[in-house]
């Protein structure tokens, strides 16, 4: 028996997106489309700069972003296609903030069967 994309998406939704402890509502605007409300797991590390750091040792670089989010690849619960530097995400700057801040999708960090991990910049 093989593990399908639909199974992976359903498990991510059940474990993370449907759980308010892990996810928050965000407004995602794909390039050339209307904004869509989806749930995302948001990493807020309060990084002050966007760019590359040399934390991996000589000659290696690790990309750092203002925020990172993990969203579903499912067209209904998430975003099926992501456009780097074209898509925008509105999220609260800090947990509990009422106002949202616009971030741009700077990079697709990772994609698997169920999720996109995206680096965001202001």
PDB file of N, CA and C in Angstrom:
ATOM      1  N   UNK A   1       0.846  -1.179   0.000  1.00  0.00           N
ATOM      2  CA  UNK A   1       0.000   0.000   0.000  1.00  0.00           C
ATOM      3  C   UNK A   1       0.892   1.244   0.000  1.00  0.00           C
ATOM      4  N   UNK A   2       0.591   2.200  -0.844  1.00  0.00           N
ATOM      5  CA  UNK A   2       1.384   3.421  -0.925  1.00  0.00           C
ATOM      6  C   UNK A   2       0.688   4.569  -0.202  1.00  0.00           C
ATOM      7  N   UNK A   3       1.478   5.511   0.196  1.00  0.00           N
ATOM      8  CA  UNK A   3       1.002   6.701   0.898  1.00  0.00           C
ATOM      9  C   UNK A   3       0.711   7.769  -0.144  1.00  0.00           C
ATOM     10  N   UNK A   4      -0.516   8.263  -0.197  1.00  0.00           N
ATOM     11  CA  UNK A   4      -0.913   9.196  -1.243  1.00  0.00           C
ATOM     12  C   UNK A   4      -0.811  10.652  -0.777  1.00  0.00           C
ATOM     13  N   UNK A   5      -0.804  11.530  -1.743  1.00  0.00           N
ATOM     14  CA  UNK A   5      -0.792  12.965  -1.471  1.00  0.00           C
ATOM     15  C   UNK A   5      -2.027  13.353  -0.660  1.00  0.00           C
ATOM     16  N   UNK A   6      -3.172  12.794  -0.992  1.00  0.00           N
ATOM     17  CA  UNK A   6      -4.413  13.107  -0.287  1.00  0.00           C
ATOM     18  C   UNK A   6      -4.348  12.665   1.173  1.00  0.00           C
ATOM     19  N   UNK A   7      -3.727  11.507   1.442  1.00  0.00           N
ATOM     20  CA  UNK A   7      -3.566  11.057   2.824  1.00  0.00           C
ATOM     21  C   UNK A   7      -2.653  11.998   3.601  1.00  0.00           C
ATOM     22  N   UNK A   8      -1.557  12.405   2.975  1.00  0.00           N
ATOM     23  CA  UNK A   8      -0.618  13.315   3.633  1.00  0.00           C
ATOM     24  C   UNK A   8      -1.291  14.652   3.940  1.00  0.00           C
ATOM     25  N   UNK A   9      -2.053  15.173   2.985  1.00  0.00           N
ATOM     26  CA  UNK A   9      -2.755  16.442   3.202  1.00  0.00           C
ATOM     27  C   UNK A   9      -3.790  16.319   4.312  1.00  0.00           C
ATOM     28  N   UNK A  10      -4.533  15.210   4.349  1.00  0.00           N
ATOM     29  CA  UNK A  10      -5.546  14.996   5.387  1.00  0.00           C
ATOM     30  C   UNK A  10      -4.899  14.906   6.771  1.00  0.00           C
ATOM     31  N   UNK A  11      -3.759  14.238   6.874  1.00  0.00           N
ATOM     32  CA  UNK A  11      -3.067  14.124   8.164  1.00  0.00           C
ATOM     33  C   UNK A  11      -2.522  15.475   8.625  1.00  0.00           C
ATOM     34  N   UNK A  12      -1.934  16.262   7.715  1.00  0.00           N
ATOM     35  CA  UNK A  12      -1.442  17.588   8.075  1.00  0.00           C
ATOM     36  C   UNK A  12      -2.588  18.474   8.553  1.00  0.00           C
ATOM     37  N   UNK A  13      -3.717  18.417   7.847  1.00  0.00           N
ATOM     38  CA  UNK A  13      -4.886  19.207   8.228  1.00  0.00           C
ATOM     39  C   UNK A  13      -5.382  18.803   9.615  1.00  0.00           C
ATOM     40  N   UNK A  14      -5.524  17.503   9.852  1.00  0.00           N
ATOM     41  CA  UNK A  14      -6.050  17.019  11.128  1.00  0.00           C
ATOM     42  C   UNK A  14      -5.104  17.329  12.291  1.00  0.00           C
ATOM     43  N   UNK A  15      -3.819  17.159  12.077  1.00  0.00           N
ATOM     44  CA  UNK A  15      -2.844  17.346  13.165  1.00  0.00           C
ATOM     45  C   UNK A  15      -2.505  18.805  13.437  1.00  0.00           C
ATOM     46  N   UNK A  16      -2.429  19.620  12.396  1.00  0.00           N
ATOM     47  CA  UNK A  16      -1.928  20.991  12.561  1.00  0.00           C
ATOM     48  C   UNK A  16      -2.949  22.076  12.218  1.00  0.00           C
ATOM     49  N   UNK A  17      -3.528  22.026  11.028  1.00  0.00           N
ATOM     50  CA  UNK A  17      -4.397  23.129  10.595  1.00  0.00           C
ATOM     51  C   UNK A  17      -5.696  23.208  11.393  1.00  0.00           C
ATOM     52  N   UNK A  18      -6.248  22.062  11.765  1.00  0.00           N
ATOM     53  CA  UNK A  18      -7.496  22.059  12.531  1.00  0.00           C
ATOM     54  C   UNK A  18      -7.268  22.296  14.021  1.00  0.00           C
ATOM     55  N   UNK A  19      -6.023  22.434  14.433  1.00  0.00           N
ATOM     56  CA  UNK A  19      -5.678  22.618  15.835  1.00  0.00           C
ATOM     57  C   UNK A  19      -5.240  24.068  16.057  1.00  0.00           C
ATOM     58  N   UNK A  20      -6.045  24.877  16.762  1.00  0.00           N
ATOM     59  CA  UNK A  20      -5.690  26.289  16.968  1.00  0.00           C
ATOM     60  C   UNK A  20      -4.430  26.484  17.812  1.00  0.00           C
ATOM     61  N   UNK A  21      -3.958  25.437  18.472  1.00  0.00           N
ATOM     62  CA  UNK A  21      -2.702  25.521  19.216  1.00  0.00           C
ATOM     63  C   UNK A  21      -1.519  25.677  18.257  1.00  0.00           C
ATOM     64  N   UNK A  22      -1.629  25.077  17.067  1.00  0.00           N
ATOM     65  CA  UNK A  22      -0.534  25.104  16.102  1.00  0.00           C
ATOM     66  C   UNK A  22      -0.725  26.116  14.972  1.00  0.00           C
ATOM     67  N   UNK A  23      -1.969  26.367  14.569  1.00  0.00           N
ATOM     68  CA  UNK A  23      -2.175  27.181  13.360  1.00  0.00           C
ATOM     69  C   UNK A  23      -2.981  28.441  13.639  1.00  0.00           C
ATOM     70  N   UNK A  24      -2.854  29.377  12.693  1.00  0.00           N
ATOM     71  CA  UNK A  24      -3.584  30.644  12.753  1.00  0.00           C
ATOM     72  C   UNK A  24      -4.177  30.937  11.385  1.00  0.00           C
ATOM     73  N   UNK A  25      -5.241  31.726  11.372  1.00  0.00           N
ATOM     74  CA  UNK A  25      -5.829  32.159  10.103  1.00  0.00           C
ATOM     75  C   UNK A  25      -4.942  33.242   9.499  1.00  0.00           C
ATOM     76  N   UNK A  26      -4.678  33.124   8.195  1.00  0.00           N
ATOM     77  CA  UNK A  26      -3.908  34.124   7.462  1.00  0.00           C
ATOM     78  C   UNK A  26      -4.647  34.449   6.174  1.00  0.00           C
ATOM     79  N   UNK A  27      -4.336  35.582   5.607  1.00  0.00           N
ATOM     80  CA  UNK A  27      -4.888  35.954   4.309  1.00  0.00           C
ATOM     81  C   UNK A  27      -3.777  35.782   3.274  1.00  0.00           C
ATOM     82  N   UNK A  28      -3.992  34.875   2.318  1.00  0.00           N
ATOM     83  CA  UNK A  28      -2.973  34.570   1.304  1.00  0.00           C
ATOM     84  C   UNK A  28      -3.467  35.088  -0.040  1.00  0.00           C
ATOM     85  N   UNK A  29      -2.649  35.898  -0.693  1.00  0.00           N
ATOM     86  CA  UNK A  29      -2.986  36.422  -2.019  1.00  0.00           C
ATOM     87  C   UNK A  29      -1.985  35.877  -3.026  1.00  0.00           C
ATOM     88  N   UNK A  30      -2.459  34.918  -3.819  1.00  0.00           N
ATOM     89  CA  UNK A  30      -1.623  34.372  -4.880  1.00  0.00           C
ATOM     90  C   UNK A  30      -1.513  35.408  -5.992  1.00  0.00           C
ATOM     91  N   UNK A  31      -0.408  35.417  -6.682  1.00  0.00           N
ATOM     92  CA  UNK A  31      -0.150  36.378  -7.749  1.00  0.00           C
ATOM     93  C   UNK A  31      -1.289  36.382  -8.766  1.00  0.00           C
ATOM     94  N   UNK A  32      -1.913  37.565  -8.941  1.00  0.00           N
ATOM     95  CA  UNK A  32      -2.988  37.720  -9.912  1.00  0.00           C
ATOM     96  C   UNK A  32      -4.340  37.198  -9.474  1.00  0.00           C
ATOM     97  N   UNK A  33      -4.487  36.827  -8.187  1.00  0.00           N
ATOM     98  CA  UNK A  33      -5.754  36.291  -7.695  1.00  0.00           C
ATOM     99  C   UNK A  33      -6.241  37.073  -6.485  1.00  0.00           C
ATOM    100  N   UNK A  34      -7.467  36.801  -6.102  1.00  0.00           N
ATOM    101  CA  UNK A  34      -8.041  37.441  -4.915  1.00  0.00           C
ATOM    102  C   UNK A  34      -7.492  36.785  -3.650  1.00  0.00           C
ATOM    103  N   UNK A  35      -7.521  37.524  -2.554  1.00  0.00           N
ATOM    104  CA  UNK A  35      -7.061  37.006  -1.265  1.00  0.00           C
ATOM    105  C   UNK A  35      -7.943  35.839  -0.823  1.00  0.00           C
ATOM    106  N   UNK A  36      -7.322  34.901  -0.119  1.00  0.00           N
ATOM    107  CA  UNK A  36      -8.005  33.702   0.353  1.00  0.00           C
ATOM    108  C   UNK A  36      -7.618  33.475   1.812  1.00  0.00           C
ATOM    109  N   UNK A  37      -8.592  33.193   2.657  1.00  0.00           N
ATOM    110  CA  UNK A  37      -8.312  32.910   4.059  1.00  0.00           C
ATOM    111  C   UNK A  37      -7.981  31.426   4.206  1.00  0.00           C
ATOM    112  N   UNK A  38      -6.789  31.145   4.761  1.00  0.00           N
ATOM    113  CA  UNK A  38      -6.366  29.767   5.012  1.00  0.00           C
ATOM    114  C   UNK A  38      -5.738  29.708   6.395  1.00  0.00           C
ATOM    115  N   UNK A  39      -5.420  28.506   6.853  1.00  0.00           N
ATOM    116  CA  UNK A  39      -4.732  28.340   8.129  1.00  0.00           C
ATOM    117  C   UNK A  39      -3.277  28.005   7.853  1.00  0.00           C
ATOM    118  N   UNK A  40      -2.377  28.514   8.711  1.00  0.00           N
ATOM    119  CA  UNK A  40      -0.947  28.296   8.540  1.00  0.00           C
ATOM    120  C   UNK A  40      -0.274  28.124   9.894  1.00  0.00           C
ATOM    121  N   UNK A  41       0.796  27.359   9.901  1.00  0.00           N
ATOM    122  CA  UNK A  41       1.667  27.276  11.061  1.00  0.00           C
ATOM    123  C   UNK A  41       2.725  28.357  10.845  1.00  0.00           C
ATOM    124  N   UNK A  42       2.814  29.318  11.784  1.00  0.00           N
ATOM    125  CA  UNK A  42       3.696  30.475  11.622  1.00  0.00           C
ATOM    126  C   UNK A  42       4.881  30.363  12.579  1.00  0.00           C
ATOM    127  N   UNK A  43       6.071  30.572  12.040  1.00  0.00           N
ATOM    128  CA  UNK A  43       7.280  30.636  12.861  1.00  0.00           C
ATOM    129  C   UNK A  43       7.693  32.087  12.966  1.00  0.00           C
ATOM    130  N   UNK A  44       7.635  32.605  14.195  1.00  0.00           N
ATOM    131  CA  UNK A  44       8.041  33.990  14.462  1.00  0.00           C
ATOM    132  C   UNK A  44       9.309  33.945  15.290  1.00  0.00           C
ATOM    133  N   UNK A  45      10.416  34.259  14.666  1.00  0.00           N
ATOM    134  CA  UNK A  45      11.686  34.212  15.373  1.00  0.00           C
ATOM    135  C   UNK A  45      12.235  35.598  15.630  1.00  0.00           C
ATOM    136  N   UNK A  46      11.469  36.619  15.266  1.00  0.00           N
ATOM    137  CA  UNK A  46      11.888  38.007  15.441  1.00  0.00           C
ATOM    138  C   UNK A  46      13.268  38.283  14.857  1.00  0.00           C
ATOM    139  N   UNK A  47      13.506  37.732  13.683  1.00  0.00           N
ATOM    140  CA  UNK A  47      14.756  37.984  12.985  1.00  0.00           C
ATOM    141  C   UNK A  47      14.690  39.391  12.411  1.00  0.00           C
ATOM    142  N   UNK A  48      15.679  40.193  12.676  1.00  0.00           N
ATOM    143  CA  UNK A  48      15.661  41.593  12.272  1.00  0.00           C
ATOM    144  C   UNK A  48      16.082  41.814  10.828  1.00  0.00           C
ATOM    145  N   UNK A  49      16.771  40.861  10.234  1.00  0.00           N
ATOM    146  CA  UNK A  49      17.222  41.069   8.870  1.00  0.00           C
ATOM    147  C   UNK A  49      16.893  39.862   8.005  1.00  0.00           C
ATOM    148  N   UNK A  50      16.760  40.126   6.739  1.00  0.00           N
ATOM    149  CA  UNK A  50      16.551  39.079   5.768  1.00  0.00           C
ATOM    150  C   UNK A  50      17.841  38.958   4.972  1.00  0.00           C
ATOM    151  N   UNK A  51      18.265  37.764   4.760  1.00  0.00           N
ATOM    152  CA  UNK A  51      19.493  37.571   3.998  1.00  0.00           C
ATOM    153  C   UNK A  51      20.120  36.244   4.328  1.00  0.00           C
ATOM    154  N   UNK A  52      21.422  36.155   4.208  1.00  0.00           N
ATOM    155  CA  UNK A  52      22.127  34.909   4.453  1.00  0.00           C
ATOM    156  C   UNK A  52      23.044  35.040   5.650  1.00  0.00           C
ATOM    157  N   UNK A  53      23.134  33.960   6.429  1.00  0.00           N
ATOM    158  CA  UNK A  53      24.008  33.919   7.592  1.00  0.00           C
ATOM    159  C   UNK A  53      25.011  32.790   7.403  1.00  0.00           C
ATOM    160  N   UNK A  54      26.178  32.915   7.989  1.00  0.00           N
ATOM    161  CA  UNK A  54      27.203  31.880   7.884  1.00  0.00           C
ATOM    162  C   UNK A  54      27.248  31.002   9.130  1.00  0.00           C
ATOM    163  N   UNK A  55      26.099  30.529   9.585  1.00  0.00           N
ATOM    164  CA  UNK A  55      26.051  29.701  10.791  1.00  0.00           C
ATOM    165  C   UNK A  55      26.460  28.256  10.546  1.00  0.00           C
ATOM    166  N   UNK A  56      26.490  27.811   9.315  1.00  0.00           N
ATOM    167  CA  UNK A  56      26.785  26.414   9.012  1.00  0.00           C
ATOM    168  C   UNK A  56      28.259  26.101   8.891  1.00  0.00           C
ATOM    169  N   UNK A  57      29.132  27.057   9.119  1.00  0.00           N
ATOM    170  CA  UNK A  57      30.556  26.813   9.000  1.00  0.00           C
ATOM    171  C   UNK A  57      31.123  27.499   7.774  1.00  0.00           C
ATOM    172  N   UNK A  58      32.414  27.356   7.561  1.00  0.00           N
ATOM    173  CA  UNK A  58      33.067  28.022   6.432  1.00  0.00           C
ATOM    174  C   UNK A  58      32.460  27.626   5.085  1.00  0.00           C
ATOM    175  N   UNK A  59      32.143  28.615   4.304  1.00  0.00           N
ATOM    176  CA  UNK A  59      31.635  28.366   2.956  1.00  0.00           C
ATOM    177  C   UNK A  59      30.163  28.013   2.876  1.00  0.00           C
ATOM    178  N   UNK A  60      29.457  27.824   3.999  1.00  0.00           N
ATOM    179  CA  UNK A  60      28.040  27.483   3.947  1.00  0.00           C
ATOM    180  C   UNK A  60      27.205  28.688   4.350  1.00  0.00           C
ATOM    181  N   UNK A  61      26.022  28.749   3.814  1.00  0.00           N
ATOM    182  CA  UNK A  61      25.117  29.849   4.133  1.00  0.00           C
ATOM    183  C   UNK A  61      23.719  29.304   4.373  1.00  0.00           C
ATOM    184  N   UNK A  62      23.032  29.858   5.356  1.00  0.00           N
ATOM    185  CA  UNK A  62      21.672  29.471   5.681  1.00  0.00           C
ATOM    186  C   UNK A  62      20.784  30.692   5.476  1.00  0.00           C
ATOM    187  N   UNK A  63      19.765  30.566   4.665  1.00  0.00           N
ATOM    188  CA  UNK A  63      18.856  31.689   4.414  1.00  0.00           C
ATOM    189  C   UNK A  63      18.028  31.960   5.660  1.00  0.00           C
ATOM    190  N   UNK A  64      17.825  33.233   5.970  1.00  0.00           N
ATOM    191  CA  UNK A  64      17.003  33.663   7.107  1.00  0.00           C
ATOM    192  C   UNK A  64      15.923  34.593   6.580  1.00  0.00           C
ATOM    193  N   UNK A  65      14.724  34.448   7.120  1.00  0.00           N
ATOM    194  CA  UNK A  65      13.590  35.258   6.686  1.00  0.00           C
ATOM    195  C   UNK A  65      12.937  35.917   7.887  1.00  0.00           C
ATOM    196  N   UNK A  66      12.120  36.957   7.629  1.00  0.00           N
ATOM    197  CA  UNK A  66      11.421  37.648   8.711  1.00  0.00           C
ATOM    198  C   UNK A  66      10.444  36.720   9.423  1.00  0.00           C
ATOM    199  N   UNK A  67       9.760  35.899   8.676  1.00  0.00           N
ATOM    200  CA  UNK A  67       8.841  34.895   9.203  1.00  0.00           C
ATOM    201  C   UNK A  67       8.876  33.697   8.263  1.00  0.00           C
ATOM    202  N   UNK A  68       8.449  32.549   8.781  1.00  0.00           N
ATOM    203  CA  UNK A  68       8.264  31.371   7.953  1.00  0.00           C
ATOM    204  C   UNK A  68       6.881  30.816   8.244  1.00  0.00           C
ATOM    205  N   UNK A  69       6.232  30.281   7.203  1.00  0.00           N
ATOM    206  CA  UNK A  69       4.937  29.644   7.396  1.00  0.00           C
ATOM    207  C   UNK A  69       4.955  28.276   6.728  1.00  0.00           C
ATOM    208  N   UNK A  70       4.113  27.398   7.240  1.00  0.00           N
ATOM    209  CA  UNK A  70       3.868  26.101   6.617  1.00  0.00           C
ATOM    210  C   UNK A  70       2.380  26.058   6.313  1.00  0.00           C
ATOM    211  N   UNK A  71       2.052  25.811   5.037  1.00  0.00           N
ATOM    212  CA  UNK A  71       0.658  25.765   4.596  1.00  0.00           C
ATOM    213  C   UNK A  71       0.421  24.479   3.812  1.00  0.00           C
ATOM    214  N   UNK A  72      -0.834  24.163   3.616  1.00  0.00           N
ATOM    215  CA  UNK A  72      -1.205  22.967   2.868  1.00  0.00           C
ATOM    216  C   UNK A  72      -1.046  23.183   1.370  1.00  0.00           C
ATOM    217  N   UNK A  73      -0.693  22.110   0.658  1.00  0.00           N
ATOM    218  CA  UNK A  73      -0.637  22.137  -0.808  1.00  0.00           C
ATOM    219  C   UNK A  73      -2.007  21.864  -1.417  1.00  0.00           C
ATOM    220  N   UNK A  74      -2.981  21.555  -0.568  1.00  0.00           N
ATOM    221  CA  UNK A  74      -4.346  21.273  -1.038  1.00  0.00           C
ATOM    222  C   UNK A  74      -5.008  22.559  -1.533  1.00  0.00           C
ATOM    223  N   UNK A  75      -5.663  22.494  -2.677  1.00  0.00           N
ATOM    224  CA  UNK A  75      -6.278  23.692  -3.272  1.00  0.00           C
ATOM    225  C   UNK A  75      -7.422  24.241  -2.421  1.00  0.00           C
ATOM    226  N   UNK A  76      -8.092  23.406  -1.648  1.00  0.00           N
ATOM    227  CA  UNK A  76      -9.209  23.860  -0.819  1.00  0.00           C
ATOM    228  C   UNK A  76      -8.731  24.438   0.509  1.00  0.00           C
ATOM    229  N   UNK A  77      -7.869  23.711   1.204  1.00  0.00           N
ATOM    230  CA  UNK A  77      -7.420  24.118   2.535  1.00  0.00           C
ATOM    231  C   UNK A  77      -6.150  24.959   2.523  1.00  0.00           C
ATOM    232  N   UNK A  78      -5.512  25.078   1.364  1.00  0.00           N
ATOM    233  CA  UNK A  78      -4.255  25.801   1.284  1.00  0.00           C
ATOM    234  C   UNK A  78      -4.076  26.432  -0.083  1.00  0.00           C
ATOM    235  N   UNK A  79      -2.872  26.324  -0.606  1.00  0.00           N
ATOM    236  CA  UNK A  79      -2.514  26.918  -1.893  1.00  0.00           C
ATOM    237  C   UNK A  79      -1.849  25.841  -2.743  1.00  0.00           C
ATOM    238  N   UNK A  80      -2.402  25.591  -3.920  1.00  0.00           N
ATOM    239  CA  UNK A  80      -1.877  24.536  -4.794  1.00  0.00           C
ATOM    240  C   UNK A  80      -0.592  24.957  -5.501  1.00  0.00           C
ATOM    241  N   UNK A  81      -0.489  26.226  -5.882  1.00  0.00           N
ATOM    242  CA  UNK A  81       0.693  26.735  -6.585  1.00  0.00           C
ATOM    243  C   UNK A  81       1.179  28.012  -5.911  1.00  0.00           C
ATOM    244  N   UNK A  82       2.456  28.067  -5.600  1.00  0.00           N
ATOM    245  CA  UNK A  82       3.063  29.227  -4.950  1.00  0.00           C
ATOM    246  C   UNK A  82       3.999  29.911  -5.937  1.00  0.00           C
ATOM    247  N   UNK A  83       3.956  31.247  -5.957  1.00  0.00           N
ATOM    248  CA  UNK A  83       4.853  32.026  -6.807  1.00  0.00           C
ATOM    249  C   UNK A  83       5.776  32.851  -5.911  1.00  0.00           C
ATOM    250  N   UNK A  84       7.063  32.508  -5.945  1.00  0.00           N
ATOM    251  CA  UNK A  84       8.034  33.282  -5.182  1.00  0.00           C
ATOM    252  C   UNK A  84       8.050  34.723  -5.674  1.00  0.00           C
ATOM    253  N   UNK A  85       8.151  35.644  -4.752  1.00  0.00           N
ATOM    254  CA  UNK A  85       8.239  37.084  -5.020  1.00  0.00           C
ATOM    255  C   UNK A  85       6.985  37.650  -5.687  1.00  0.00           C
ATOM    256  N   UNK A  86       5.936  36.847  -5.841  1.00  0.00           N
ATOM    257  CA  UNK A  86       4.691  37.323  -6.426  1.00  0.00           C
ATOM    258  C   UNK A  86       3.515  37.216  -5.471  1.00  0.00           C
ATOM    259  N   UNK A  87       3.560  36.224  -4.582  1.00  0.00           N
ATOM    260  CA  UNK A  87       2.471  36.003  -3.634  1.00  0.00           C
ATOM    261  C   UNK A  87       2.698  36.823  -2.371  1.00  0.00           C
ATOM    262  N   UNK A  88       1.586  37.152  -1.686  1.00  0.00           N
ATOM    263  CA  UNK A  88       1.640  37.927  -0.441  1.00  0.00           C
ATOM    264  C   UNK A  88       0.841  37.208   0.636  1.00  0.00           C
ATOM    265  N   UNK A  89       1.254  37.410   1.884  1.00  0.00           N
ATOM    266  CA  UNK A  89       0.572  36.821   3.029  1.00  0.00           C
ATOM    267  C   UNK A  89       0.391  37.912   4.071  1.00  0.00           C
ATOM    268  N   UNK A  90      -0.817  38.024   4.613  1.00  0.00           N
ATOM    269  CA  UNK A  90      -1.090  38.959   5.705  1.00  0.00           C
ATOM    270  C   UNK A  90      -1.235  38.166   6.986  1.00  0.00           C
ATOM    271  N   UNK A  91      -0.351  38.468   7.947  1.00  0.00           N
ATOM    272  CA  UNK A  91      -0.388  37.782   9.237  1.00  0.00           C
ATOM    273  C   UNK A  91      -0.173  38.798  10.358  1.00  0.00           C
ATOM    274  N   UNK A  92      -0.639  38.476  11.555  1.00  0.00           N
ATOM    275  CA  UNK A  92      -0.317  39.338  12.687  1.00  0.00           C
ATOM    276  C   UNK A  92       1.189  39.301  12.941  1.00  0.00           C
ATOM    277  N   UNK A  93       1.770  40.440  13.248  1.00  0.00           N
ATOM    278  CA  UNK A  93       3.207  40.498  13.512  1.00  0.00           C
ATOM    279  C   UNK A  93       3.566  39.617  14.705  1.00  0.00           C
ATOM    280  N   UNK A  94       2.765  39.703  15.755  1.00  0.00           N
ATOM    281  CA  UNK A  94       2.968  38.880  16.945  1.00  0.00           C
ATOM    282  C   UNK A  94       1.667  38.173  17.295  1.00  0.00           C
ATOM    283  N   UNK A  95       1.766  37.107  18.040  1.00  0.00           N
ATOM    284  CA  UNK A  95       0.581  36.356  18.458  1.00  0.00           C
ATOM    285  C   UNK A  95      -0.338  37.281  19.233  1.00  0.00           C
ATOM    286  N   UNK A  96      -1.610  37.287  18.859  1.00  0.00           N
ATOM    287  CA  UNK A  96      -2.599  38.101  19.551  1.00  0.00           C
ATOM    288  C   UNK A  96      -2.805  39.490  18.980  1.00  0.00           C
ATOM    289  N   UNK A  97      -1.952  39.930  18.053  1.00  0.00           N
ATOM    290  CA  UNK A  97      -2.138  41.244  17.429  1.00  0.00           C
ATOM    291  C   UNK A  97      -3.415  41.244  16.592  1.00  0.00           C
ATOM    292  N   UNK A  98      -4.166  42.336  16.667  1.00  0.00           N
ATOM    293  CA  UNK A  98      -5.405  42.440  15.890  1.00  0.00           C
ATOM    294  C   UNK A  98      -5.128  42.812  14.433  1.00  0.00           C
ATOM    295  N   UNK A  99      -4.121  43.644  14.217  1.00  0.00           N
ATOM    296  CA  UNK A  99      -3.811  44.107  12.864  1.00  0.00           C
ATOM    297  C   UNK A  99      -2.847  43.140  12.174  1.00  0.00           C
ATOM    298  N   UNK A 100      -3.033  42.993  10.856  1.00  0.00           N
ATOM    299  CA  UNK A 100      -2.154  42.148  10.061  1.00  0.00           C
ATOM    300  C   UNK A 100      -1.093  42.983   9.357  1.00  0.00           C
ATOM    301  N   UNK A 101       0.026  42.351   9.059  1.00  0.00           N
ATOM    302  CA  UNK A 101       1.131  42.960   8.340  1.00  0.00           C
ATOM    303  C   UNK A 101       1.335  42.163   7.057  1.00  0.00           C
ATOM    304  N   UNK A 102       1.623  42.862   5.962  1.00  0.00           N
ATOM    305  CA  UNK A 102       1.828  42.194   4.673  1.00  0.00           C
ATOM    306  C   UNK A 102       3.280  41.730   4.561  1.00  0.00           C
ATOM    307  N   UNK A 103       3.448  40.457   4.246  1.00  0.00           N
ATOM    308  CA  UNK A 103       4.745  39.866   3.953  1.00  0.00           C
ATOM    309  C   UNK A 103       4.704  39.321   2.528  1.00  0.00           C
ATOM    310  N   UNK A 104       5.843  39.312   1.865  1.00  0.00           N
ATOM    311  CA  UNK A 104       5.954  38.754   0.522  1.00  0.00           C
ATOM    312  C   UNK A 104       6.620  37.386   0.617  1.00  0.00           C
ATOM    313  N   UNK A 105       6.210  36.470  -0.240  1.00  0.00           N
ATOM    314  CA  UNK A 105       6.838  35.154  -0.278  1.00  0.00           C
ATOM    315  C   UNK A 105       8.207  35.322  -0.936  1.00  0.00           C
ATOM    316  N   UNK A 106       9.244  35.263  -0.120  1.00  0.00           N
ATOM    317  CA  UNK A 106      10.605  35.454  -0.622  1.00  0.00           C
ATOM    318  C   UNK A 106      11.163  34.169  -1.224  1.00  0.00           C
ATOM    319  N   UNK A 107      10.776  33.019  -0.643  1.00  0.00           N
ATOM    320  CA  UNK A 107      11.338  31.757  -1.130  1.00  0.00           C
ATOM    321  C   UNK A 107      10.471  30.575  -0.722  1.00  0.00           C
ATOM    322  N   UNK A 108      10.472  29.577  -1.568  1.00  0.00           N
ATOM    323  CA  UNK A 108       9.925  28.271  -1.213  1.00  0.00           C
ATOM    324  C   UNK A 108      11.076  27.510  -0.581  1.00  0.00           C
ATOM    325  N   UNK A 109      10.992  27.301   0.709  1.00  0.00           N
ATOM    326  CA  UNK A 109      12.075  26.625   1.431  1.00  0.00           C
ATOM    327  C   UNK A 109      12.002  25.121   1.194  1.00  0.00           C
ATOM    328  N   UNK A 110      10.780  24.582   1.232  1.00  0.00           N
ATOM    329  CA  UNK A 110      10.597  23.150   1.079  1.00  0.00           C
ATOM    330  C   UNK A 110       9.178  22.869   0.617  1.00  0.00           C
ATOM    331  N   UNK A 111       9.016  21.801  -0.135  1.00  0.00           N
ATOM    332  CA  UNK A 111       7.690  21.315  -0.509  1.00  0.00           C
ATOM    333  C   UNK A 111       7.713  19.803  -0.410  1.00  0.00           C
ATOM    334  N   UNK A 112       6.653  19.232   0.161  1.00  0.00           N
ATOM    335  CA  UNK A 112       6.493  17.790   0.164  1.00  0.00           C
ATOM    336  C   UNK A 112       5.076  17.478  -0.301  1.00  0.00           C
ATOM    337  N   UNK A 113       4.606  16.279  -0.094  1.00  0.00           N
ATOM    338  CA  UNK A 113       3.272  15.896  -0.563  1.00  0.00           C
ATOM    339  C   UNK A 113       2.171  16.788   0.007  1.00  0.00           C
ATOM    340  N   UNK A 114       2.315  17.188   1.267  1.00  0.00           N
ATOM    341  CA  UNK A 114       1.221  17.875   1.960  1.00  0.00           C
ATOM    342  C   UNK A 114       1.439  19.357   2.190  1.00  0.00           C
ATOM    343  N   UNK A 115       2.690  19.814   2.182  1.00  0.00           N
ATOM    344  CA  UNK A 115       2.941  21.173   2.653  1.00  0.00           C
ATOM    345  C   UNK A 115       3.923  21.966   1.783  1.00  0.00           C
ATOM    346  N   UNK A 116       3.768  23.290   1.905  1.00  0.00           N
ATOM    347  CA  UNK A 116       4.768  24.254   1.455  1.00  0.00           C
ATOM    348  C   UNK A 116       5.356  24.871   2.710  1.00  0.00           C
ATOM    349  N   UNK A 117       6.665  25.023   2.778  1.00  0.00           N
ATOM    350  CA  UNK A 117       7.305  25.826   3.825  1.00  0.00           C
ATOM    351  C   UNK A 117       7.871  27.035   3.103  1.00  0.00           C
ATOM    352  N   UNK A 118       7.391  28.220   3.499  1.00  0.00           N
ATOM    353  CA  UNK A 118       7.704  29.451   2.783  1.00  0.00           C
ATOM    354  C   UNK A 118       8.440  30.445   3.668  1.00  0.00           C
ATOM    355  N   UNK A 119       9.470  31.063   3.117  1.00  0.00           N
ATOM    356  CA  UNK A 119      10.173  32.152   3.780  1.00  0.00           C
ATOM    357  C   UNK A 119       9.531  33.467   3.388  1.00  0.00           C
ATOM    358  N   UNK A 120       9.188  34.277   4.392  1.00  0.00           N
ATOM    359  CA  UNK A 120       8.496  35.558   4.152  1.00  0.00           C
ATOM    360  C   UNK A 120       9.397  36.735   4.487  1.00  0.00           C
ATOM    361  N   UNK A 121       9.281  37.796   3.694  1.00  0.00           N
ATOM    362  CA  UNK A 121      10.013  39.044   3.940  1.00  0.00           C
ATOM    363  C   UNK A 121       9.034  40.212   3.886  1.00  0.00           C
ATOM    364  N   UNK A 122       9.325  41.258   4.650  1.00  0.00           N
ATOM    365  CA  UNK A 122       8.464  42.448   4.656  1.00  0.00           C
ATOM    366  C   UNK A 122       8.803  43.384   3.539  1.00  0.00           C
TER     367      UNK A 122
END
